[in-house]
Amino acid sequence: MVEENDNIETVLCEVGGDRLDVFVSNEFSVSRSRASTLINDTLVSVNGQVKKKNYIVQDGDFVEVSMPDIIEYDVQAENLKIDIVYEDNDLLVVNKPQNMVVHPSPGHNSGTLVNALMYHVKFLSSVNGVSRPGILHRIDKDTSGLLLVAKNDKSHLFLSEQIKNHTLDRFYEAVVHGTPKEEKGFVNFSIGRDKKDRKKMAAYPADSTQAGIRNACTHYEVLDSFKNFSHIRLKLETGRTHQIRVHMKAIGHPVVGDPLYSSPKLESFGLQGQCLHARAIGFIHPTTGEHMYFESELPDYFVKVLKKLK
């Protein structure tokens, strides 16, 4: 599902008392989760002001929604090479290469991981619609590494709960500028859309109460340090858009090669994107109840950077 071409709609509240997300769901004929997403993305205002989803709508409030059109892409199966690390009747673990988009979006109607999955896998869950079958979580186009994919709706919902409850473990490795003062630590800035550049996300105070800004926590550990750079391991406690990239920039150690949050002038590694790899993933299997853990090798581009640094 891809959103674009905003249409602005306004409704006058005649009888107050509902939460904002409930009001938007009822008055604009969208699902409750869709209403929450619109509110979190700051696409809903009340009397010209952005409010949280639990705001109680009052008599006489003007509720305005910038309603994006929803486009469902006709996703075609494509015989693209993908690295399936593990597969059973409920799920699969895929090692996504750098420079591959996870699912169709504007400018990327083909060549995505979803296109490849539809060719190689007979069944995929339908929870996220026809544009994102089986997709439980995403990593950026230029981030490589492990992704968990659901084959049926039951498994999808079970695994999604683990993501929601922060019990699904995701470990990354990255090369960053400089070396953090503490060998181990965590970053807990909240993350929301950058007010000056809508293509970027930005870090905000952890106690921020602004709509559309969500708490985020990233744990890190320095594995090796070099002159002006370091190799670090990271664990996500939450999974916000660009979380690692934004958090590392916020503490003064942006990811090497990052086109949005780093400084290309300081680099000479010939990278095509950020040096960031989803190294490992751990979760409870939806059918067997077994704890499963998978770890991938560092990709060639990452290894080459480490060799240059050493």
Protein backbone atom coordinates (compact mmCIF):
# COMPACT_ATOMS: atom_id res chain seq x y z
CA MET A 1 0.00 0.00 0.00
CA VAL A 2 1.42 3.36 -1.03
CA GLU A 3 0.12 6.78 -0.12
CA GLU A 4 0.28 9.97 -2.17
CA ASN A 5 -1.81 12.89 -3.53
CA ASP A 6 -3.30 14.25 -0.28
CA ASN A 7 -7.00 15.23 -0.25
CA ILE A 8 -8.04 17.54 2.60
CA GLU A 9 -11.39 16.82 4.25
CA THR A 10 -12.96 18.67 7.19
CA VAL A 11 -15.77 17.59 9.51
CA LEU A 12 -17.53 19.62 12.23
CA CYS A 13 -18.07 17.66 15.45
CA GLU A 14 -21.69 18.12 16.53
CA VAL A 15 -21.63 15.67 19.44
CA GLY A 16 -18.33 15.40 21.32
CA GLY A 17 -17.02 12.76 23.69
CA ASP A 18 -15.16 10.35 21.39
CA ARG A 19 -11.41 9.89 21.25
CA LEU A 20 -9.87 11.48 18.18
CA ASP A 21 -8.91 8.13 16.60
CA VAL A 22 -12.47 6.83 17.10
CA PHE A 23 -13.96 10.04 15.66
CA VAL A 24 -11.70 9.94 12.59
CA SER A 25 -12.45 6.24 12.06
CA ASN A 26 -16.23 6.82 12.20
CA GLU A 27 -16.48 10.12 10.35
CA PHE A 28 -13.94 9.46 7.60
CA SER A 29 -14.81 5.78 7.09
CA VAL A 30 -11.36 4.34 7.78
CA SER A 31 -10.23 1.56 10.09
CA ARG A 32 -9.18 2.37 13.65
CA SER A 33 -5.57 1.47 12.87
CA ARG A 34 -5.66 3.63 9.74
CA ALA A 35 -6.99 6.53 11.81
CA SER A 36 -4.16 6.09 14.32
CA THR A 37 -1.60 6.09 11.52
CA LEU A 38 -2.99 9.31 10.06
CA ILE A 39 -2.86 10.94 13.49
CA ASN A 40 0.68 9.70 14.21
CA ASP A 41 1.80 11.02 10.82
CA THR A 42 0.44 14.47 11.81
CA LEU A 43 -2.11 14.37 8.99
CA VAL A 44 -4.99 15.16 11.38
CA SER A 45 -5.61 18.52 13.05
CA VAL A 46 -8.28 19.84 15.41
CA ASN A 47 -9.09 23.51 15.02
CA GLY A 48 -5.76 23.87 13.22
CA GLN A 49 -3.70 22.12 15.90
CA VAL A 50 -2.20 18.63 15.87
CA LYS A 51 -3.54 16.44 18.68
CA LYS A 52 -2.82 12.97 20.05
CA LYS A 53 -5.14 10.08 19.26
CA ASN A 54 -6.54 10.03 22.81
CA TYR A 55 -7.69 13.67 22.59
CA ILE A 56 -11.41 13.86 23.39
CA VAL A 57 -13.19 15.63 20.54
CA GLN A 58 -15.44 18.48 21.74
CA ASP A 59 -18.70 19.94 20.40
CA GLY A 60 -17.86 22.45 17.69
CA ASP A 61 -14.37 21.11 16.95
CA PHE A 62 -13.31 21.25 13.32
CA VAL A 63 -11.39 18.06 12.52
CA GLU A 64 -9.32 18.23 9.35
CA VAL A 65 -7.69 15.21 7.72
CA SER A 66 -5.16 15.32 4.92
CA MET A 67 -6.28 12.03 3.42
CA PRO A 68 -3.71 10.37 1.13
CA ASP A 69 -5.03 8.34 -1.78
CA ILE A 70 -4.36 4.64 -1.35
CA ILE A 71 -2.86 2.90 -4.32
CA GLU A 72 -2.65 -0.87 -4.45
CA TYR A 73 0.03 -1.95 -6.89
CA ASP A 74 -0.48 -4.87 -9.22
CA VAL A 75 2.51 -6.77 -7.86
CA GLN A 76 3.97 -9.31 -10.26
CA ALA A 77 6.08 -12.31 -9.33
CA GLU A 78 9.65 -11.97 -10.60
CA ASN A 79 12.38 -14.59 -10.79
CA LEU A 80 14.93 -12.62 -8.77
CA LYS A 81 17.71 -14.26 -6.81
CA ILE A 82 17.12 -14.13 -3.05
CA ASP A 83 18.94 -15.78 -0.16
CA ILE A 84 16.42 -17.78 1.88
CA VAL A 85 18.20 -18.64 5.14
CA TYR A 86 15.35 -20.70 6.64
CA GLU A 87 11.86 -21.78 5.59
CA ASP A 88 9.01 -23.88 6.99
CA ASN A 89 5.21 -23.94 6.67
CA ASP A 90 4.75 -20.77 8.74
CA LEU A 91 7.60 -18.42 7.96
CA LEU A 92 10.89 -17.78 6.26
CA VAL A 93 14.00 -15.78 7.06
CA VAL A 94 15.53 -13.91 4.12
CA ASN A 95 18.94 -12.26 3.84
CA LYS A 96 18.18 -9.11 1.82
CA PRO A 97 21.03 -7.62 -0.21
CA GLN A 98 21.91 -3.95 -0.20
CA ASN A 99 20.15 -1.89 -2.91
CA MET A 100 16.92 -3.93 -2.85
CA VAL A 101 13.64 -2.31 -1.79
CA VAL A 102 11.47 -4.46 0.49
CA HIS A 103 8.07 -3.75 -1.11
CA PRO A 104 6.66 -1.71 -4.01
CA SER A 105 6.53 2.08 -3.59
CA PRO A 106 6.60 5.11 -5.90
CA GLY A 107 9.48 4.60 -8.33
CA HIS A 108 9.96 0.98 -7.27
CA ASN A 109 7.14 -1.04 -8.84
CA SER A 110 9.36 -4.02 -9.59
CA GLY A 111 12.61 -5.59 -8.49
CA THR A 112 11.57 -5.59 -4.84
CA LEU A 113 11.86 -8.35 -2.26
CA VAL A 114 8.08 -8.83 -2.45
CA ASN A 115 8.29 -9.43 -6.21
CA ALA A 116 10.93 -12.10 -5.55
CA LEU A 117 9.01 -13.69 -2.68
CA MET A 118 5.88 -14.05 -4.82
CA TYR A 119 7.90 -16.10 -7.31
CA HIS A 120 9.73 -18.32 -4.83
CA VAL A 121 7.05 -18.81 -2.15
CA LYS A 122 3.61 -20.30 -2.79
CA PHE A 123 1.79 -18.73 0.16
CA LEU A 124 2.30 -15.41 1.98
CA SER A 125 0.18 -13.76 4.66
CA SER A 126 -2.42 -11.21 3.56
CA VAL A 127 -2.42 -9.04 6.69
CA ASN A 128 -0.67 -6.10 5.01
CA GLY A 129 -2.56 -6.28 1.72
CA VAL A 130 -1.53 -7.17 -1.81
CA SER A 131 1.39 -4.73 -1.94
CA ARG A 132 3.15 -6.13 1.14
CA PRO A 133 2.27 -9.83 1.44
CA GLY A 134 4.12 -11.53 4.29
CA ILE A 135 6.05 -8.44 5.31
CA LEU A 136 6.34 -8.15 9.10
CA HIS A 137 9.02 -5.47 9.32
CA ARG A 138 11.23 -3.57 6.92
CA ILE A 139 14.81 -2.48 6.52
CA ASP A 140 15.89 0.38 4.28
CA LYS A 141 16.80 -0.16 0.64
CA ASP A 142 20.53 0.27 1.27
CA THR A 143 20.56 -1.66 4.55
CA SER A 144 21.32 -5.34 4.08
CA GLY A 145 20.47 -8.30 6.26
CA LEU A 146 17.85 -10.55 7.79
CA LEU A 147 14.11 -10.12 7.46
CA LEU A 148 11.36 -12.30 8.91
CA VAL A 149 8.46 -13.10 6.54
CA ALA A 150 5.11 -14.71 7.43
CA LYS A 151 3.47 -17.31 5.21
CA ASN A 152 0.00 -17.17 6.79
CA ASP A 153 -2.10 -14.68 8.73
CA LYS A 154 -1.98 -16.63 12.01
CA SER A 155 1.82 -16.60 12.03
CA HIS A 156 1.86 -12.96 10.94
CA LEU A 157 -0.28 -11.84 13.88
CA PHE A 158 1.67 -14.00 16.37
CA LEU A 159 5.02 -12.60 15.24
CA SER A 160 3.68 -9.05 15.03
CA GLU A 161 2.77 -9.25 18.72
CA GLN A 162 6.41 -10.06 19.51
CA ILE A 163 7.51 -6.97 17.58
CA LYS A 164 4.90 -4.87 19.36
CA ASN A 165 5.95 -6.20 22.79
CA HIS A 166 9.70 -5.82 22.02
CA THR A 167 10.33 -9.56 22.51
CA LEU A 168 11.54 -10.15 18.95
CA ASP A 169 15.32 -9.57 18.99
CA ARG A 170 16.97 -7.70 16.12
CA PHE A 171 20.73 -7.16 16.06
CA TYR A 172 22.62 -4.96 13.61
CA GLU A 173 26.23 -4.10 12.89
CA ALA A 174 27.47 -0.81 11.49
CA VAL A 175 30.57 1.23 10.82
CA VAL A 176 30.18 4.73 12.22
CA HIS A 177 32.17 7.94 12.37
CA GLY A 178 34.27 8.32 15.50
CA THR A 179 34.01 6.16 18.61
CA PRO A 180 31.38 6.56 21.36
CA LYS A 181 32.83 7.55 24.74
CA GLU A 182 31.16 4.59 26.42
CA GLU A 183 31.98 1.10 25.14
CA LYS A 184 28.37 0.09 25.80
CA GLY A 185 25.32 2.30 26.03
CA PHE A 186 21.90 3.12 24.72
CA VAL A 187 20.19 5.98 22.92
CA ASN A 188 16.59 6.84 23.77
CA PHE A 189 15.71 9.93 21.78
CA SER A 190 12.18 9.86 20.41
CA ILE A 191 11.84 9.88 16.62
CA GLY A 192 9.48 11.77 14.34
CA ARG A 193 9.36 13.38 10.92
CA ASP A 194 11.93 16.15 10.39
CA LYS A 195 10.02 19.43 10.34
CA LYS A 196 12.40 20.96 7.78
CA ASP A 197 12.76 17.96 5.45
CA ARG A 198 9.89 15.46 5.12
CA LYS A 199 12.24 12.88 3.58
CA LYS A 200 14.14 12.67 6.85
CA MET A 201 13.36 11.61 10.38
CA ALA A 202 14.70 13.52 13.37
CA ALA A 203 15.55 12.95 17.03
CA TYR A 204 13.43 14.61 19.71
CA PRO A 205 13.60 14.59 23.53
CA ALA A 206 12.63 11.25 25.05
CA ASP A 207 9.75 12.83 26.95
CA SER A 208 8.31 14.62 23.91
CA THR A 209 4.50 14.67 23.85
CA GLN A 210 4.08 15.98 20.33
CA ALA A 211 1.82 14.00 18.02
CA GLY A 212 3.67 11.93 15.45
CA ILE A 213 6.78 11.60 17.63
CA ARG A 214 7.31 8.13 19.08
CA ASN A 215 9.66 6.79 21.72
CA ALA A 216 12.66 4.84 20.47
CA CYS A 217 15.55 3.02 22.12
CA THR A 218 18.72 1.59 20.58
CA HIS A 219 21.41 -0.31 22.51
CA TYR A 220 24.96 -0.30 21.16
CA GLU A 221 28.34 -1.90 21.85
CA VAL A 222 31.70 -1.00 20.32
CA LEU A 223 33.26 -4.10 18.74
CA ASP A 224 36.40 -2.44 17.37
CA SER A 225 37.71 1.08 16.99
CA PHE A 226 39.97 2.65 14.38
CA LYS A 227 41.24 6.11 13.63
CA ASN A 228 38.12 8.24 13.11
CA PHE A 229 35.79 5.23 12.81
CA SER A 230 34.41 2.31 14.82
CA HIS A 231 32.63 -1.00 14.22
CA ILE A 232 29.60 -1.35 16.47
CA ARG A 233 26.84 -3.83 17.27
CA LEU A 234 23.32 -2.58 17.91
CA LYS A 235 20.12 -4.02 19.30
CA LEU A 236 16.74 -2.49 18.57
CA GLU A 237 14.29 -2.18 21.42
CA THR A 238 11.84 -0.39 19.14
CA GLY A 239 11.69 -0.29 15.35
CA ARG A 240 11.08 3.24 14.13
CA THR A 241 11.80 4.49 10.61
CA HIS A 242 15.57 5.12 10.17
CA GLN A 243 15.98 4.48 13.91
CA ILE A 244 19.63 3.43 14.00
CA ARG A 245 20.65 6.04 11.44
CA VAL A 246 18.89 8.86 13.31
CA HIS A 247 20.09 7.76 16.74
CA MET A 248 23.71 7.43 15.73
CA LYS A 249 23.65 10.86 14.12
CA ALA A 250 22.03 12.28 17.27
CA ILE A 251 24.97 11.18 19.43
CA GLY A 252 27.54 12.43 16.92
CA HIS A 253 28.45 9.11 15.27
CA PRO A 254 26.52 8.83 11.99
CA VAL A 255 26.66 5.63 9.99
CA VAL A 256 29.35 5.65 7.31
CA GLY A 257 27.94 6.03 3.80
CA ASP A 258 24.52 7.23 4.96
CA PRO A 259 23.22 9.54 2.20
CA LEU A 260 20.74 11.30 4.50
CA TYR A 261 22.38 11.56 7.91
CA SER A 262 26.13 11.43 7.29
CA SER A 263 28.79 13.49 5.50
CA PRO A 264 29.94 11.85 2.25
CA LYS A 265 32.89 14.25 2.02
CA LEU A 266 34.46 12.47 4.99
CA GLU A 267 34.31 9.05 3.35
CA SER A 268 36.30 7.30 0.63
CA PHE A 269 35.01 3.74 0.80
CA GLY A 270 33.06 3.69 -2.48
CA LEU A 271 29.84 2.68 -0.72
CA GLN A 272 26.46 2.73 -2.45
CA GLY A 273 24.64 3.41 0.82
CA GLN A 274 24.98 3.17 4.57
CA CYS A 275 27.33 0.57 6.06
CA LEU A 276 24.57 -1.08 8.10
CA HIS A 277 23.68 -4.76 8.23
CA ALA A 278 20.82 -6.57 10.01
CA ARG A 279 23.10 -9.27 11.41
CA ALA A 280 20.81 -11.46 13.54
CA ILE A 281 17.20 -12.08 14.51
CA GLY A 282 15.63 -14.10 17.32
CA PHE A 283 11.96 -14.94 17.94
CA ILE A 284 9.48 -17.51 19.27
CA HIS A 285 8.11 -19.80 16.56
CA PRO A 286 4.32 -19.34 16.16
CA THR A 287 3.58 -23.08 15.99
CA THR A 288 6.28 -24.93 17.91
CA GLY A 289 6.92 -22.31 20.61
CA GLU A 290 10.63 -22.86 20.07
CA HIS A 291 13.03 -19.94 20.38
CA MET A 292 14.76 -19.52 17.02
CA TYR A 293 17.88 -17.48 16.28
CA PHE A 294 19.55 -16.78 12.95
CA GLU A 295 22.75 -14.91 12.19
CA SER A 296 24.08 -13.90 8.77
CA GLU A 297 27.60 -13.29 7.55
CA LEU A 298 28.73 -9.72 7.01
CA PRO A 299 28.29 -8.85 3.29
CA ASP A 300 31.22 -8.13 1.00
CA TYR A 301 30.79 -4.34 1.02
CA PHE A 302 30.93 -4.33 4.83
CA VAL A 303 33.97 -6.61 4.99
CA LYS A 304 35.83 -4.44 2.47
CA VAL A 305 35.31 -1.35 4.64
CA LEU A 306 36.63 -3.19 7.71
CA LYS A 307 39.69 -4.37 5.77
CA LYS A 308 40.47 -0.81 4.67
CA LEU A 309 40.16 0.41 8.24
CA LYS A 310 42.45 -2.33 9.58
